[in-house]
Amino acid sequence: MENNVPSMNSIQKSVWEGKLPLEIVLAPSESRVYDQTDPYLVCFPRVSYLFSLLPKLSDFFSSFLIEPTSRPHDGWFSFEGVPLKWHYPIGLLYDLYAGADPASKTSPGRERDFSLLLPKKQKRSANTDSDSGSEGGDSSLPWRLTVHFSDWPEQDLVRLDDHGIVIHDAFINSVKEADFLRNGTAKGIMSLSKEDSSGLWKAVEQADLFSFQRISKILLPPPSQPFRNIPIRVFLPLPPDSSSPSFKVVQSPLPPFTSTSGQLASSATGSSTTSTQLQTVGSMIPSLVHVDKGESLEEDRNQVIHGTTIDSVFER
């Protein structure tokens, strides 16, 4: 029987090749022609970060800026008036704010509980997000964002610097955390050369999968040694309030195996199996999933991973 299960490399390749079409406008209050500035159009990798576009956007809008001395690292982005976190990949930001029925303050006629992951809408692929021109395409694409070069939102965002040190350090700290969860130690990332440390970040910034794989393999334990824990975060859109939408981040150590009693375990035994996504989510958010019944409390909720809605996770 032919095996149609995709390989891990092909899945990773598809994720890294996923792109989002963006339509970026200059904030009218910062433009010499108010809202008549031409938009900047680009198809951008989902795994990359918005701030990487700031130098190009600064050049593109320079002749329209009221304050022409604004620097690229003074730039920040907003969607529907909400400042976007610069340390989250653009694909995650899109899934949270504009993807499958997101937590949005401009969702007319909806009074829904957004505390349970994302609700079902339509299946979406990391590779088809950029295909907005086809019949039945996603009406939220291209994703329309606003770029600002003044009035930095101090309460929402940490300021960037002109050398990119702040964002590099934020990324490396995240990798350290993941390394420690996987191996019980962060020696792997700490022992990387300065060149590889910088190269790992550049690979993500430039969506260079080949370079990323070469360096990231150094951080992974040998095949004979299972992960101690799987590094994972769950982002939960919360009910929109009167001022802005928000979300909650949930994370905890998650062993990769499950014993016959249903308890998660860090090593495989004769009576244990690899943990399923349902068991994983249920252990992190018990109020969301009845693992023993194999169903969610809210049947119209789904996981969205890299732009793909996984319906089967919560089906009975």
C-alpha atoms as a PDB file:
ATOM      1  CA  MET A   1       0.000   0.000   0.000  1.00  0.00           C
ATOM      2  CA  GLU A   2       1.409   3.357  -1.013  1.00  0.00           C
ATOM      3  CA  ASN A   3       2.440   5.559   1.883  1.00  0.00           C
ATOM      4  CA  ASN A   4       1.074   9.064   1.355  1.00  0.00           C
ATOM      5  CA  VAL A   5       2.263  10.431   4.695  1.00  0.00           C
ATOM      6  CA  PRO A   6       4.540  13.422   3.983  1.00  0.00           C
ATOM      7  CA  SER A   7       8.055  13.375   5.371  1.00  0.00           C
ATOM      8  CA  MET A   8       9.167  15.744   8.110  1.00  0.00           C
ATOM      9  CA  ASN A   9      11.457  17.527   5.622  1.00  0.00           C
ATOM     10  CA  SER A  10       8.615  18.089   3.164  1.00  0.00           C
ATOM     11  CA  ILE A  11       6.379  19.472   5.918  1.00  0.00           C
ATOM     12  CA  GLN A  12       9.098  21.827   7.104  1.00  0.00           C
ATOM     13  CA  LYS A  13       9.771  22.913   3.532  1.00  0.00           C
ATOM     14  CA  SER A  14       6.082  23.669   2.974  1.00  0.00           C
ATOM     15  CA  VAL A  15       5.918  25.705   6.181  1.00  0.00           C
ATOM     16  CA  TRP A  16       8.979  27.757   5.263  1.00  0.00           C
ATOM     17  CA  GLU A  17       7.720  28.360   1.726  1.00  0.00           C
ATOM     18  CA  GLY A  18       4.372  29.672   2.997  1.00  0.00           C
ATOM     19  CA  LYS A  19       3.900  33.393   2.280  1.00  0.00           C
ATOM     20  CA  LEU A  20       1.356  36.112   2.978  1.00  0.00           C
ATOM     21  CA  PRO A  21       0.466  38.950   0.608  1.00  0.00           C
ATOM     22  CA  LEU A  22       0.670  42.269   2.442  1.00  0.00           C
ATOM     23  CA  GLU A  23      -0.666  45.717   1.648  1.00  0.00           C
ATOM     24  CA  ILE A  24       1.117  48.202   3.903  1.00  0.00           C
ATOM     25  CA  VAL A  25       0.049  51.833   4.124  1.00  0.00           C
ATOM     26  CA  LEU A  26       1.711  54.760   5.851  1.00  0.00           C
ATOM     27  CA  ALA A  27      -0.221  56.120   8.836  1.00  0.00           C
ATOM     28  CA  PRO A  28      -2.238  59.088   7.431  1.00  0.00           C
ATOM     29  CA  SER A  29      -1.229  61.298  10.355  1.00  0.00           C
ATOM     30  CA  GLU A  30       2.435  60.916   9.317  1.00  0.00           C
ATOM     31  CA  SER A  31       1.915  61.476   5.577  1.00  0.00           C
ATOM     32  CA  ARG A  32       2.207  64.771   3.694  1.00  0.00           C
ATOM     33  CA  VAL A  33      -0.744  63.667   1.556  1.00  0.00           C
ATOM     34  CA  TYR A  34      -2.734  62.132   4.423  1.00  0.00           C
ATOM     35  CA  ASP A  35      -4.409  58.949   3.119  1.00  0.00           C
ATOM     36  CA  GLN A  36      -3.374  59.339  -0.524  1.00  0.00           C
ATOM     37  CA  THR A  37       0.007  57.612  -0.138  1.00  0.00           C
ATOM     38  CA  ASP A  38       0.457  54.615  -2.428  1.00  0.00           C
ATOM     39  CA  PRO A  39       0.542  51.299  -0.522  1.00  0.00           C
ATOM     40  CA  TYR A  40       3.574  49.028  -0.377  1.00  0.00           C
ATOM     41  CA  LEU A  41       2.728  45.564  -1.732  1.00  0.00           C
ATOM     42  CA  VAL A  42       4.805  42.485  -0.951  1.00  0.00           C
ATOM     43  CA  CYS A  43       4.492  38.701  -0.550  1.00  0.00           C
ATOM     44  CA  PHE A  44       6.316  37.944   2.687  1.00  0.00           C
ATOM     45  CA  PRO A  45       7.377  34.622   4.343  1.00  0.00           C
ATOM     46  CA  ARG A  46       5.103  33.528   7.183  1.00  0.00           C
ATOM     47  CA  VAL A  47       8.083  32.447   9.315  1.00  0.00           C
ATOM     48  CA  SER A  48       9.795  35.824   9.078  1.00  0.00           C
ATOM     49  CA  TYR A  49       9.235  39.033  11.039  1.00  0.00           C
ATOM     50  CA  LEU A  50       7.601  42.305  10.045  1.00  0.00           C
ATOM     51  CA  PHE A  51      10.403  44.510  11.294  1.00  0.00           C
ATOM     52  CA  SER A  52      12.636  43.064   8.540  1.00  0.00           C
ATOM     53  CA  LEU A  53      10.603  45.181   6.111  1.00  0.00           C
ATOM     54  CA  LEU A  54      11.295  48.467   7.894  1.00  0.00           C
ATOM     55  CA  PRO A  55      14.385  49.534   5.869  1.00  0.00           C
ATOM     56  CA  LYS A  56      12.506  49.049   2.578  1.00  0.00           C
ATOM     57  CA  LEU A  57       9.389  50.738   3.923  1.00  0.00           C
ATOM     58  CA  SER A  58      11.424  53.677   5.200  1.00  0.00           C
ATOM     59  CA  ASP A  59      12.880  54.181   1.716  1.00  0.00           C
ATOM     60  CA  PHE A  60       9.525  53.675  -0.005  1.00  0.00           C
ATOM     61  CA  PHE A  61       7.654  56.215   2.137  1.00  0.00           C
ATOM     62  CA  SER A  62      10.540  58.654   2.745  1.00  0.00           C
ATOM     63  CA  SER A  63       9.250  61.308   0.310  1.00  0.00           C
ATOM     64  CA  PHE A  64       5.817  61.270   1.989  1.00  0.00           C
ATOM     65  CA  LEU A  65       6.925  61.438   5.622  1.00  0.00           C
ATOM     66  CA  ILE A  66       6.160  64.627   7.525  1.00  0.00           C
ATOM     67  CA  GLU A  67       9.221  63.827   9.641  1.00  0.00           C
ATOM     68  CA  PRO A  68      11.832  62.852   7.009  1.00  0.00           C
ATOM     69  CA  THR A  69      14.469  62.256   9.703  1.00  0.00           C
ATOM     70  CA  SER A  70      12.599  59.173  10.955  1.00  0.00           C
ATOM     71  CA  ARG A  71      14.827  56.100  11.108  1.00  0.00           C
ATOM     72  CA  PRO A  72      13.869  52.564  10.032  1.00  0.00           C
ATOM     73  CA  HIS A  73      14.062  51.174  13.582  1.00  0.00           C
ATOM     74  CA  ASP A  74      11.564  53.841  14.697  1.00  0.00           C
ATOM     75  CA  GLY A  75       8.953  51.960  12.671  1.00  0.00           C
ATOM     76  CA  TRP A  76       6.156  49.813  14.068  1.00  0.00           C
ATOM     77  CA  PHE A  77       3.046  48.161  12.661  1.00  0.00           C
ATOM     78  CA  SER A  78      -0.623  48.133  13.585  1.00  0.00           C
ATOM     79  CA  PHE A  79      -3.729  46.281  12.473  1.00  0.00           C
ATOM     80  CA  GLU A  80      -7.130  47.849  13.134  1.00  0.00           C
ATOM     81  CA  GLY A  81      -5.399  50.227  15.533  1.00  0.00           C
ATOM     82  CA  VAL A  82      -3.681  47.455  17.517  1.00  0.00           C
ATOM     83  CA  PRO A  83       0.158  47.534  17.734  1.00  0.00           C
ATOM     84  CA  LEU A  84       1.636  44.239  16.486  1.00  0.00           C
ATOM     85  CA  LYS A  85       4.302  42.490  18.546  1.00  0.00           C
ATOM     86  CA  TRP A  86       7.555  42.576  16.581  1.00  0.00           C
ATOM     87  CA  HIS A  87       8.921  39.386  18.212  1.00  0.00           C
ATOM     88  CA  TYR A  88       6.142  37.182  16.781  1.00  0.00           C
ATOM     89  CA  PRO A  89       6.422  35.775  13.231  1.00  0.00           C
ATOM     90  CA  ILE A  90       4.048  37.382  10.755  1.00  0.00           C
ATOM     91  CA  GLY A  91       2.232  34.080  10.157  1.00  0.00           C
ATOM     92  CA  LEU A  92       1.314  33.856  13.842  1.00  0.00           C
ATOM     93  CA  LEU A  93       0.166  37.483  13.908  1.00  0.00           C
ATOM     94  CA  TYR A  94      -2.053  36.907  10.885  1.00  0.00           C
ATOM     95  CA  ASP A  95      -3.586  33.742  12.366  1.00  0.00           C
ATOM     96  CA  LEU A  96      -4.347  35.598  15.608  1.00  0.00           C
ATOM     97  CA  TYR A  97      -5.742  38.821  14.203  1.00  0.00           C
ATOM     98  CA  ALA A  98      -7.049  38.068  10.714  1.00  0.00           C
ATOM     99  CA  GLY A  99      -7.087  34.296  10.245  1.00  0.00           C
ATOM    100  CA  ALA A 100      -9.826  31.796  11.135  1.00  0.00           C
ATOM    101  CA  ASP A 101     -12.472  34.042  12.721  1.00  0.00           C
ATOM    102  CA  PRO A 102      -9.910  35.864  14.900  1.00  0.00           C
ATOM    103  CA  ALA A 103     -10.252  37.911  18.045  1.00  0.00           C
ATOM    104  CA  SER A 104     -10.994  41.222  16.351  1.00  0.00           C
ATOM    105  CA  LYS A 105     -12.695  44.284  17.734  1.00  0.00           C
ATOM    106  CA  THR A 106     -14.318  44.853  14.336  1.00  0.00           C
ATOM    107  CA  SER A 107     -16.255  41.577  14.113  1.00  0.00           C
ATOM    108  CA  PRO A 108     -19.851  42.796  13.637  1.00  0.00           C
ATOM    109  CA  GLY A 109     -22.708  40.651  14.857  1.00  0.00           C
ATOM    110  CA  ARG A 110     -20.498  38.190  16.770  1.00  0.00           C
ATOM    111  CA  GLU A 111     -20.802  37.517  20.471  1.00  0.00           C
ATOM    112  CA  ARG A 112     -18.535  34.503  20.748  1.00  0.00           C
ATOM    113  CA  ASP A 113     -16.260  33.151  23.433  1.00  0.00           C
ATOM    114  CA  PHE A 114     -12.745  33.405  22.041  1.00  0.00           C
ATOM    115  CA  SER A 115     -11.094  31.776  25.076  1.00  0.00           C
ATOM    116  CA  LEU A 116     -10.895  28.334  23.411  1.00  0.00           C
ATOM    117  CA  LEU A 117      -8.302  28.419  20.660  1.00  0.00           C
ATOM    118  CA  LEU A 118      -9.697  29.374  17.249  1.00  0.00           C
ATOM    119  CA  PRO A 119     -13.183  28.510  16.003  1.00  0.00           C
ATOM    120  CA  LYS A 120     -13.764  26.482  12.859  1.00  0.00           C
ATOM    121  CA  LYS A 121     -14.228  28.342   9.642  1.00  0.00           C
ATOM    122  CA  GLN A 122     -12.558  26.947   6.582  1.00  0.00           C
ATOM    123  CA  LYS A 123      -9.419  24.888   6.134  1.00  0.00           C
ATOM    124  CA  ARG A 124      -6.459  26.954   5.199  1.00  0.00           C
ATOM    125  CA  SER A 125      -2.999  25.891   4.058  1.00  0.00           C
ATOM    126  CA  ALA A 126       0.301  27.623   4.755  1.00  0.00           C
ATOM    127  CA  ASN A 127       0.945  27.515   1.016  1.00  0.00           C
ATOM    128  CA  THR A 128      -2.428  28.841  -0.147  1.00  0.00           C
ATOM    129  CA  ASP A 129      -2.551  31.983   2.001  1.00  0.00           C
ATOM    130  CA  SER A 130      -0.897  33.870  -0.847  1.00  0.00           C
ATOM    131  CA  ASP A 131      -3.491  32.737  -3.395  1.00  0.00           C
ATOM    132  CA  SER A 132      -6.016  35.490  -2.766  1.00  0.00           C
ATOM    133  CA  GLY A 133      -6.890  36.015  -6.396  1.00  0.00           C
ATOM    134  CA  SER A 134      -8.632  32.695  -6.933  1.00  0.00           C
ATOM    135  CA  GLU A 135     -12.374  32.227  -6.695  1.00  0.00           C
ATOM    136  CA  GLY A 136     -13.419  31.682  -3.108  1.00  0.00           C
ATOM    137  CA  GLY A 137     -10.139  33.132  -1.833  1.00  0.00           C
ATOM    138  CA  ASP A 138      -9.761  34.589   1.644  1.00  0.00           C
ATOM    139  CA  SER A 139     -11.274  38.081   1.735  1.00  0.00           C
ATOM    140  CA  SER A 140      -8.812  39.076   4.466  1.00  0.00           C
ATOM    141  CA  LEU A 141      -5.967  38.936   1.931  1.00  0.00           C
ATOM    142  CA  PRO A 142      -3.894  40.836   1.159  1.00  0.00           C
ATOM    143  CA  TRP A 143      -3.473  41.580   4.846  1.00  0.00           C
ATOM    144  CA  ARG A 144      -3.752  45.344   5.214  1.00  0.00           C
ATOM    145  CA  LEU A 145      -1.372  46.811   7.778  1.00  0.00           C
ATOM    146  CA  THR A 146      -0.370  50.325   8.798  1.00  0.00           C
ATOM    147  CA  VAL A 147       3.249  51.326   9.378  1.00  0.00           C
ATOM    148  CA  HIS A 148       4.153  54.171  11.724  1.00  0.00           C
ATOM    149  CA  PHE A 149       7.466  55.977  12.194  1.00  0.00           C
ATOM    150  CA  SER A 150       6.493  58.107  15.188  1.00  0.00           C
ATOM    151  CA  ASP A 151       4.449  57.914  18.406  1.00  0.00           C
ATOM    152  CA  TRP A 152       5.980  54.628  19.500  1.00  0.00           C
ATOM    153  CA  PRO A 153       3.484  52.696  21.729  1.00  0.00           C
ATOM    154  CA  GLU A 154       5.684  52.448  24.810  1.00  0.00           C
ATOM    155  CA  GLN A 155       3.143  50.445  26.822  1.00  0.00           C
ATOM    156  CA  ASP A 156       2.752  47.782  24.142  1.00  0.00           C
ATOM    157  CA  LEU A 157       6.136  47.363  22.456  1.00  0.00           C
ATOM    158  CA  VAL A 158       9.796  47.324  23.495  1.00  0.00           C
ATOM    159  CA  ARG A 159      11.822  49.732  21.381  1.00  0.00           C
ATOM    160  CA  LEU A 160      14.110  48.425  18.658  1.00  0.00           C
ATOM    161  CA  ASP A 161      17.689  49.577  18.039  1.00  0.00           C
ATOM    162  CA  ASP A 162      19.476  50.484  14.809  1.00  0.00           C
ATOM    163  CA  HIS A 163      21.835  47.464  15.019  1.00  0.00           C
ATOM    164  CA  GLY A 164      19.147  44.802  15.441  1.00  0.00           C
ATOM    165  CA  ILE A 165      20.550  43.657  18.791  1.00  0.00           C
ATOM    166  CA  VAL A 166      17.218  43.741  20.638  1.00  0.00           C
ATOM    167  CA  ILE A 167      15.411  41.454  18.208  1.00  0.00           C
ATOM    168  CA  HIS A 168      18.423  39.123  17.867  1.00  0.00           C
ATOM    169  CA  ASP A 169      18.643  38.716  21.642  1.00  0.00           C
ATOM    170  CA  ALA A 170      14.890  38.123  21.937  1.00  0.00           C
ATOM    171  CA  PHE A 171      15.098  35.360  19.326  1.00  0.00           C
ATOM    172  CA  ILE A 172      18.155  33.697  20.893  1.00  0.00           C
ATOM    173  CA  ASN A 173      16.531  33.786  24.347  1.00  0.00           C
ATOM    174  CA  SER A 174      13.522  31.981  22.886  1.00  0.00           C
ATOM    175  CA  VAL A 175      15.822  29.353  21.354  1.00  0.00           C
ATOM    176  CA  LYS A 176      17.570  28.942  24.723  1.00  0.00           C
ATOM    177  CA  GLU A 177      14.224  28.270  26.366  1.00  0.00           C
ATOM    178  CA  ALA A 178      13.315  25.673  23.742  1.00  0.00           C
ATOM    179  CA  ASP A 179      16.762  24.073  23.993  1.00  0.00           C
ATOM    180  CA  PHE A 180      16.421  23.716  27.765  1.00  0.00           C
ATOM    181  CA  LEU A 181      12.953  22.164  27.486  1.00  0.00           C
ATOM    182  CA  ARG A 182      14.112  19.642  24.874  1.00  0.00           C
ATOM    183  CA  ASN A 183      17.354  18.592  26.527  1.00  0.00           C
ATOM    184  CA  GLY A 184      17.181  19.696  30.163  1.00  0.00           C
ATOM    185  CA  THR A 185      20.095  22.025  29.480  1.00  0.00           C
ATOM    186  CA  ALA A 186      20.829  25.029  27.280  1.00  0.00           C
ATOM    187  CA  LYS A 187      24.430  23.982  26.608  1.00  0.00           C
ATOM    188  CA  GLY A 188      23.659  23.474  22.926  1.00  0.00           C
ATOM    189  CA  ILE A 189      22.703  27.051  22.130  1.00  0.00           C
ATOM    190  CA  MET A 190      25.256  28.431  24.610  1.00  0.00           C
ATOM    191  CA  SER A 191      28.050  26.525  22.857  1.00  0.00           C
ATOM    192  CA  LEU A 192      27.187  27.834  19.384  1.00  0.00           C
ATOM    193  CA  SER A 193      29.850  29.988  17.806  1.00  0.00           C
ATOM    194  CA  LYS A 194      29.064  33.669  17.327  1.00  0.00           C
ATOM    195  CA  GLU A 195      28.882  33.009  13.605  1.00  0.00           C
ATOM    196  CA  ASP A 196      26.340  30.189  13.993  1.00  0.00           C
ATOM    197  CA  SER A 197      24.300  32.137  16.547  1.00  0.00           C
ATOM    198  CA  SER A 198      24.065  35.080  14.183  1.00  0.00           C
ATOM    199  CA  GLY A 199      23.545  32.736  11.236  1.00  0.00           C
ATOM    200  CA  LEU A 200      20.606  30.988  12.909  1.00  0.00           C
ATOM    201  CA  TRP A 201      18.824  34.303  13.335  1.00  0.00           C
ATOM    202  CA  LYS A 202      19.669  35.460   9.808  1.00  0.00           C
ATOM    203  CA  ALA A 203      18.319  32.197   8.418  1.00  0.00           C
ATOM    204  CA  VAL A 204      14.944  32.855  10.066  1.00  0.00           C
ATOM    205  CA  GLU A 205      14.951  36.522   9.087  1.00  0.00           C
ATOM    206  CA  GLN A 206      15.657  35.626   5.450  1.00  0.00           C
ATOM    207  CA  ALA A 207      13.562  32.416   5.410  1.00  0.00           C
ATOM    208  CA  ASP A 208      16.676  30.414   4.473  1.00  0.00           C
ATOM    209  CA  LEU A 209      15.671  26.855   5.375  1.00  0.00           C
ATOM    210  CA  PHE A 210      18.938  25.228   4.261  1.00  0.00           C
ATOM    211  CA  SER A 211      21.058  27.401   6.586  1.00  0.00           C
ATOM    212  CA  PHE A 212      18.542  27.025   9.415  1.00  0.00           C
ATOM    213  CA  GLN A 213      18.589  23.211   9.172  1.00  0.00           C
ATOM    214  CA  ARG A 214      22.375  23.103   9.116  1.00  0.00           C
ATOM    215  CA  ILE A 215      22.688  25.080  12.367  1.00  0.00           C
ATOM    216  CA  SER A 216      19.580  23.843  14.181  1.00  0.00           C
ATOM    217  CA  LYS A 217      20.738  20.215  13.868  1.00  0.00           C
ATOM    218  CA  ILE A 218      23.505  21.093  16.308  1.00  0.00           C
ATOM    219  CA  LEU A 219      20.871  21.824  18.939  1.00  0.00           C
ATOM    220  CA  LEU A 220      18.900  18.593  18.536  1.00  0.00           C
ATOM    221  CA  PRO A 221      19.697  15.460  20.563  1.00  0.00           C
ATOM    222  CA  PRO A 222      20.718  12.293  18.664  1.00  0.00           C
ATOM    223  CA  PRO A 223      17.862  10.095  17.358  1.00  0.00           C
ATOM    224  CA  SER A 224      18.546   7.549  20.096  1.00  0.00           C
ATOM    225  CA  GLN A 225      17.859  10.181  22.768  1.00  0.00           C
ATOM    226  CA  PRO A 226      14.220  11.313  22.942  1.00  0.00           C
ATOM    227  CA  PHE A 227      13.260  14.877  23.812  1.00  0.00           C
ATOM    228  CA  ARG A 228      12.812  15.424  27.517  1.00  0.00           C
ATOM    229  CA  ASN A 229       9.981  17.844  26.711  1.00  0.00           C
ATOM    230  CA  ILE A 230       8.464  19.288  23.551  1.00  0.00           C
ATOM    231  CA  PRO A 231       8.688  23.090  23.433  1.00  0.00           C
ATOM    232  CA  ILE A 232       5.239  24.386  22.503  1.00  0.00           C
ATOM    233  CA  ARG A 233       3.120  27.498  23.044  1.00  0.00           C
ATOM    234  CA  VAL A 234      -0.617  27.851  22.609  1.00  0.00           C
ATOM    235  CA  PHE A 235      -2.039  31.272  21.785  1.00  0.00           C
ATOM    236  CA  LEU A 236      -5.629  31.772  22.911  1.00  0.00           C
ATOM    237  CA  PRO A 237      -7.595  34.697  21.466  1.00  0.00           C
ATOM    238  CA  LEU A 238      -9.590  36.334  24.251  1.00  0.00           C
ATOM    239  CA  PRO A 239     -12.926  38.164  24.075  1.00  0.00           C
ATOM    240  CA  PRO A 240     -12.495  41.650  22.542  1.00  0.00           C
ATOM    241  CA  ASP A 241     -12.929  44.391  25.123  1.00  0.00           C
ATOM    242  CA  SER A 242     -13.849  48.005  24.551  1.00  0.00           C
ATOM    243  CA  SER A 243     -10.351  49.071  23.557  1.00  0.00           C
ATOM    244  CA  SER A 244      -8.463  46.302  21.756  1.00  0.00           C
ATOM    245  CA  PRO A 245      -8.358  42.543  21.105  1.00  0.00           C
ATOM    246  CA  SER A 246      -5.862  40.454  23.028  1.00  0.00           C
ATOM    247  CA  PHE A 247      -4.708  36.898  23.514  1.00  0.00           C
ATOM    248  CA  LYS A 248      -3.292  34.666  26.198  1.00  0.00           C
ATOM    249  CA  VAL A 249      -0.121  32.595  25.862  1.00  0.00           C
ATOM    250  CA  VAL A 250      -0.131  29.150  27.491  1.00  0.00           C
ATOM    251  CA  GLN A 251       2.973  26.980  27.816  1.00  0.00           C
ATOM    252  CA  SER A 252       4.202  24.205  30.088  1.00  0.00           C
ATOM    253  CA  PRO A 253       6.713  21.305  29.962  1.00  0.00           C
ATOM    254  CA  LEU A 254       5.217  18.584  27.782  1.00  0.00           C
ATOM    255  CA  PRO A 255       6.791  15.096  27.730  1.00  0.00           C
ATOM    256  CA  PRO A 256       6.508  13.401  24.316  1.00  0.00           C
ATOM    257  CA  PHE A 257       4.977  10.115  25.531  1.00  0.00           C
ATOM    258  CA  THR A 258       1.760   9.016  27.243  1.00  0.00           C
ATOM    259  CA  SER A 259       1.471   6.052  29.598  1.00  0.00           C
ATOM    260  CA  THR A 260      -1.458   3.647  29.579  1.00  0.00           C
ATOM    261  CA  SER A 261      -2.902   5.590  32.510  1.00  0.00           C
ATOM    262  CA  GLY A 262      -3.061   8.694  30.324  1.00  0.00           C
ATOM    263  CA  GLN A 263      -0.237  10.503  32.124  1.00  0.00           C
ATOM    264  CA  LEU A 264       2.442  12.227  30.043  1.00  0.00           C
ATOM    265  CA  ALA A 265       5.913  10.669  30.318  1.00  0.00           C
ATOM    266  CA  SER A 266       9.390  11.811  29.280  1.00  0.00           C
ATOM    267  CA  SER A 267      10.560   8.406  28.057  1.00  0.00           C
ATOM    268  CA  ALA A 268       9.096   5.515  26.101  1.00  0.00           C
ATOM    269  CA  THR A 269       8.278   2.252  27.851  1.00  0.00           C
ATOM    270  CA  GLY A 270       6.504  -0.900  26.824  1.00  0.00           C
ATOM    271  CA  SER A 271       3.231   0.543  28.083  1.00  0.00           C
ATOM    272  CA  SER A 272       3.572   4.065  26.663  1.00  0.00           C
ATOM    273  CA  THR A 273       2.762   5.647  23.319  1.00  0.00           C
ATOM    274  CA  THR A 274       3.598   8.885  21.563  1.00  0.00           C
ATOM    275  CA  SER A 275       1.351  11.681  22.805  1.00  0.00           C
ATOM    276  CA  THR A 276      -1.345  12.872  20.421  1.00  0.00           C
ATOM    277  CA  GLN A 277      -2.201  16.500  19.752  1.00  0.00           C
ATOM    278  CA  LEU A 278      -5.449  16.042  21.632  1.00  0.00           C
ATOM    279  CA  GLN A 279      -3.603  14.783  24.724  1.00  0.00           C
ATOM    280  CA  THR A 280      -1.103  17.604  24.414  1.00  0.00           C
ATOM    281  CA  VAL A 281      -3.724  20.338  24.278  1.00  0.00           C
ATOM    282  CA  GLY A 282      -5.770  18.635  26.994  1.00  0.00           C
ATOM    283  CA  SER A 283      -2.808  18.567  29.368  1.00  0.00           C
ATOM    284  CA  MET A 284      -2.135  22.266  28.795  1.00  0.00           C
ATOM    285  CA  ILE A 285      -5.753  23.444  28.840  1.00  0.00           C
ATOM    286  CA  PRO A 286      -7.876  20.908  30.753  1.00  0.00           C
ATOM    287  CA  SER A 287     -10.978  23.085  30.437  1.00  0.00           C
ATOM    288  CA  LEU A 288     -10.804  22.782  26.660  1.00  0.00           C
ATOM    289  CA  VAL A 289     -10.520  19.036  26.056  1.00  0.00           C
ATOM    290  CA  HIS A 290     -11.916  15.892  27.679  1.00  0.00           C
ATOM    291  CA  VAL A 291      -8.993  13.639  26.775  1.00  0.00           C
ATOM    292  CA  ASP A 292     -10.704  10.513  28.121  1.00  0.00           C
ATOM    293  CA  LYS A 293     -13.719  11.124  25.874  1.00  0.00           C
ATOM    294  CA  GLY A 294     -11.659  12.262  22.906  1.00  0.00           C
ATOM    295  CA  GLU A 295     -13.706  15.401  22.372  1.00  0.00           C
ATOM    296  CA  SER A 296     -13.581  19.091  23.113  1.00  0.00           C
ATOM    297  CA  LEU A 297     -16.024  21.025  25.232  1.00  0.00           C
ATOM    298  CA  GLU A 298     -16.546  23.384  22.317  1.00  0.00           C
ATOM    299  CA  GLU A 299     -17.056  21.376  19.137  1.00  0.00           C
ATOM    300  CA  ASP A 300     -16.611  24.445  16.894  1.00  0.00           C
ATOM    301  CA  ARG A 301     -13.042  25.036  18.072  1.00  0.00           C
ATOM    302  CA  ASN A 302      -9.880  24.062  16.243  1.00  0.00           C
ATOM    303  CA  GLN A 303      -6.139  24.281  16.392  1.00  0.00           C
ATOM    304  CA  VAL A 304      -4.487  26.457  13.761  1.00  0.00           C
ATOM    305  CA  ILE A 305      -0.846  25.572  13.159  1.00  0.00           C
ATOM    306  CA  HIS A 306       1.188  27.601  10.657  1.00  0.00           C
ATOM    307  CA  GLY A 307      -1.989  28.747   8.968  1.00  0.00           C
ATOM    308  CA  THR A 308      -3.460  25.246   8.697  1.00  0.00           C
ATOM    309  CA  THR A 309      -6.687  24.401  10.512  1.00  0.00           C
ATOM    310  CA  ILE A 310      -6.535  20.908  11.997  1.00  0.00           C
ATOM    311  CA  ASP A 311     -10.158  19.791  12.202  1.00  0.00           C
ATOM    312  CA  SER A 312      -9.578  16.170  13.194  1.00  0.00           C
ATOM    313  CA  VAL A 313      -7.969  17.065  16.524  1.00  0.00           C
ATOM    314  CA  PHE A 314     -11.280  17.850  18.211  1.00  0.00           C
ATOM    315  CA  GLU A 315     -13.648  15.494  16.369  1.00  0.00           C
ATOM    316  CA  ARG A 316     -15.293  12.736  18.351  1.00  0.00           C
END
